[in-house]
C-alpha atoms as a PDB file:
ATOM      1  CA  MET A   1    -177.205 240.982  71.719  1.00  0.00           C
ATOM      2  CA  SER A   2    -173.266 241.803  73.226  1.00  0.00           C
ATOM      3  CA  GLU A   3    -171.764 239.248  75.025  1.00  0.00           C
ATOM      4  CA  PHE A   4    -171.940 239.240  78.493  1.00  0.00           C
ATOM      5  CA  ASN A   5    -168.546 241.220  80.151  1.00  0.00           C
ATOM      6  CA  PRO A   6    -168.362 241.244  84.431  1.00  0.00           C
ATOM      7  CA  SER A   7    -167.158 243.484  86.603  1.00  0.00           C
ATOM      8  CA  ILE A   8    -163.652 243.209  87.826  1.00  0.00           C
ATOM      9  CA  SER A   9    -164.717 242.791  90.892  1.00  0.00           C
ATOM     10  CA  GLN A  10    -167.397 239.756  89.285  1.00  0.00           C
ATOM     11  CA  ARG A  11    -164.289 238.152  87.788  1.00  0.00           C
ATOM     12  CA  ILE A  12    -162.482 238.301  90.791  1.00  0.00           C
ATOM     13  CA  LEU A  13    -165.363 236.833  93.179  1.00  0.00           C
ATOM     14  CA  LEU A  14    -165.782 234.137  90.270  1.00  0.00           C
ATOM     15  CA  LYS A  15    -162.003 233.625  90.753  1.00  0.00           C
ATOM     16  CA  ALA A  16    -162.461 233.200  94.561  1.00  0.00           C
ATOM     17  CA  LYS A  17    -164.681 230.588  94.574  1.00  0.00           C
ATOM     18  CA  LYS A  18    -163.672 228.445  92.232  1.00  0.00           C
ATOM     19  CA  LYS A  19    -160.028 228.229  95.158  1.00  0.00           C
ATOM     20  CA  VAL A  20    -161.775 227.878  97.888  1.00  0.00           C
ATOM     21  CA  VAL A  21    -160.724 224.215  99.551  1.00  0.00           C
ATOM     22  CA  PRO A  22    -163.577 222.315 100.363  1.00  0.00           C
ATOM     23  CA  ASP A  23    -163.605 221.682 103.941  1.00  0.00           C
ATOM     24  CA  TRP A  24    -162.260 225.481 104.631  1.00  0.00           C
ATOM     25  CA  ARG A  25    -164.587 225.026 108.047  1.00  0.00           C
ATOM     26  CA  ASP A  26    -162.677 222.914 108.962  1.00  0.00           C
ATOM     27  CA  LYS A  27    -159.779 224.883 108.362  1.00  0.00           C
ATOM     28  CA  LEU A  28    -161.399 227.327 111.070  1.00  0.00           C
ATOM     29  CA  ARG A  29    -160.275 224.784 113.903  1.00  0.00           C
ATOM     30  CA  HIS A  30    -156.868 224.456 112.885  1.00  0.00           C
ATOM     31  CA  PHE A  31    -153.871 225.699 115.491  1.00  0.00           C
ATOM     32  CA  SER A  32    -153.036 227.765 112.801  1.00  0.00           C
ATOM     33  CA  THR A  33    -155.271 229.197 111.969  1.00  0.00           C
ATOM     34  CA  ILE A  34    -156.334 230.294 114.966  1.00  0.00           C
ATOM     35  CA  SER A  35    -152.061 231.777 116.125  1.00  0.00           C
ATOM     36  CA  LEU A  36    -152.810 233.766 112.166  1.00  0.00           C
ATOM     37  CA  ALA A  37    -156.460 234.791 113.654  1.00  0.00           C
ATOM     38  CA  LEU A  38    -155.508 235.760 117.462  1.00  0.00           C
ATOM     39  CA  GLY A  39    -151.846 237.259 115.383  1.00  0.00           C
ATOM     40  CA  SER A  40    -154.447 239.890 113.189  1.00  0.00           C
ATOM     41  CA  ALA A  41    -156.197 240.646 115.981  1.00  0.00           C
ATOM     42  CA  LEU A  42    -153.274 241.629 118.419  1.00  0.00           C
ATOM     43  CA  GLN A  43    -152.188 243.558 115.798  1.00  0.00           C
ATOM     44  CA  GLY A  44    -155.436 245.907 114.808  1.00  0.00           C
ATOM     45  CA  ALA A  45    -155.733 245.543 118.835  1.00  0.00           C
ATOM     46  CA  TRP A  46    -152.017 247.724 118.795  1.00  0.00           C
ATOM     47  CA  LEU A  47    -152.800 249.532 115.842  1.00  0.00           C
ATOM     48  CA  ILE A  48    -156.249 250.797 117.977  1.00  0.00           C
ATOM     49  CA  PHE A  49    -153.902 253.040 120.671  1.00  0.00           C
ATOM     50  CA  PRO A  50    -153.195 255.883 120.480  1.00  0.00           C
ATOM     51  CA  SER A  51    -149.363 257.145 119.843  1.00  0.00           C
ATOM     52  CA  ASP A  52    -149.084 259.688 122.701  1.00  0.00           C
ATOM     53  CA  LEU A  53    -150.833 256.497 125.054  1.00  0.00           C
ATOM     54  CA  LYS A  54    -147.970 254.607 124.010  1.00  0.00           C
ATOM     55  CA  ALA A  55    -145.000 256.839 124.550  1.00  0.00           C
ATOM     56  CA  THR A  56    -145.620 256.700 127.239  1.00  0.00           C
ATOM     57  CA  TRP A  57    -145.740 253.184 128.289  1.00  0.00           C
ATOM     58  CA  PRO A  58    -141.856 251.746 129.105  1.00  0.00           C
ATOM     59  CA  PRO A  59    -139.901 250.619 125.840  1.00  0.00           C
ATOM     60  CA  SER A  60    -140.355 246.615 127.490  1.00  0.00           C
ATOM     61  CA  ILE A  61    -143.942 246.788 126.438  1.00  0.00           C
ATOM     62  CA  THR A  62    -143.894 247.609 122.955  1.00  0.00           C
ATOM     63  CA  GLN A  63    -141.046 245.769 122.913  1.00  0.00           C
ATOM     64  CA  GLY A  64    -143.051 242.769 124.542  1.00  0.00           C
ATOM     65  CA  VAL A  65    -145.832 243.111 122.173  1.00  0.00           C
ATOM     66  CA  GLY A  66    -143.457 242.853 119.563  1.00  0.00           C
ATOM     67  CA  TYR A  67    -142.319 239.991 120.423  1.00  0.00           C
ATOM     68  CA  ALA A  68    -145.841 238.830 121.072  1.00  0.00           C
ATOM     69  CA  LEU A  69    -146.685 239.117 117.683  1.00  0.00           C
ATOM     70  CA  ALA A  70    -143.672 237.359 116.533  1.00  0.00           C
ATOM     71  CA  ALA A  71    -143.891 234.449 118.136  1.00  0.00           C
ATOM     72  CA  VAL A  72    -147.754 234.186 117.837  1.00  0.00           C
ATOM     73  CA  LEU A  73    -147.063 234.928 113.598  1.00  0.00           C
ATOM     74  CA  VAL A  74    -144.653 231.972 113.786  1.00  0.00           C
ATOM     75  CA  TRP A  75    -146.193 229.298 115.623  1.00  0.00           C
ATOM     76  CA  GLY A  76    -149.601 229.735 113.255  1.00  0.00           C
ATOM     77  CA  LEU A  77    -146.907 229.637 110.167  1.00  0.00           C
ATOM     78  CA  VAL A  78    -145.324 226.665 111.921  1.00  0.00           C
ATOM     79  CA  GLY A  79    -148.720 225.321 112.307  1.00  0.00           C
ATOM     80  CA  LYS A  80    -149.264 225.144 108.597  1.00  0.00           C
ATOM     81  CA  PHE A  81    -147.046 222.398 108.127  1.00  0.00           C
ATOM     82  CA  VAL A  82    -147.351 220.167 110.485  1.00  0.00           C
ATOM     83  CA  VAL A  83    -150.512 217.730 110.163  1.00  0.00           C
ATOM     84  CA  GLN A  84    -153.744 219.030 111.596  1.00  0.00           C
ATOM     85  CA  GLY A  85    -156.771 217.769 112.850  1.00  0.00           C
ATOM     86  CA  PRO A  86    -157.770 213.208 112.754  1.00  0.00           C
ATOM     87  CA  VAL A  87    -154.267 211.754 111.118  1.00  0.00           C
ATOM     88  CA  GLU A  88    -155.593 208.446 109.275  1.00  0.00           C
ATOM     89  CA  PRO A  89    -153.354 205.609 109.494  1.00  0.00           C
ATOM     90  CA  ALA A  90    -151.650 204.173 106.609  1.00  0.00           C
ATOM     91  CA  ASP A  91    -152.750 201.278 104.823  1.00  0.00           C
ATOM     92  CA  PRO A  92    -150.607 198.090 105.610  1.00  0.00           C
ATOM     93  CA  LYS A  93    -148.369 197.193 102.706  1.00  0.00           C
ATOM     94  CA  PRO A  94    -148.996 193.403 102.481  1.00  0.00           C
END
């Protein structure tokens, strides 16, 4: 019998399963995750608009969308470094 040799997609899936945090459902409620999802949705919605429609808008709108996207993504990045969720009290020193 030959040895089992998983395909590349199966190896990637197995490796990804090992790296998923156990409390990933709680992470969906963090404002950093919501902010990054909102930024992705904003960018996706912007890409759906046809170029000829965007060309009829004044430059201030396109610039505003760019600034809004940058702000949302920066807040998402900052949120990754902030404690989110319930904070456990520190143990008092004896």
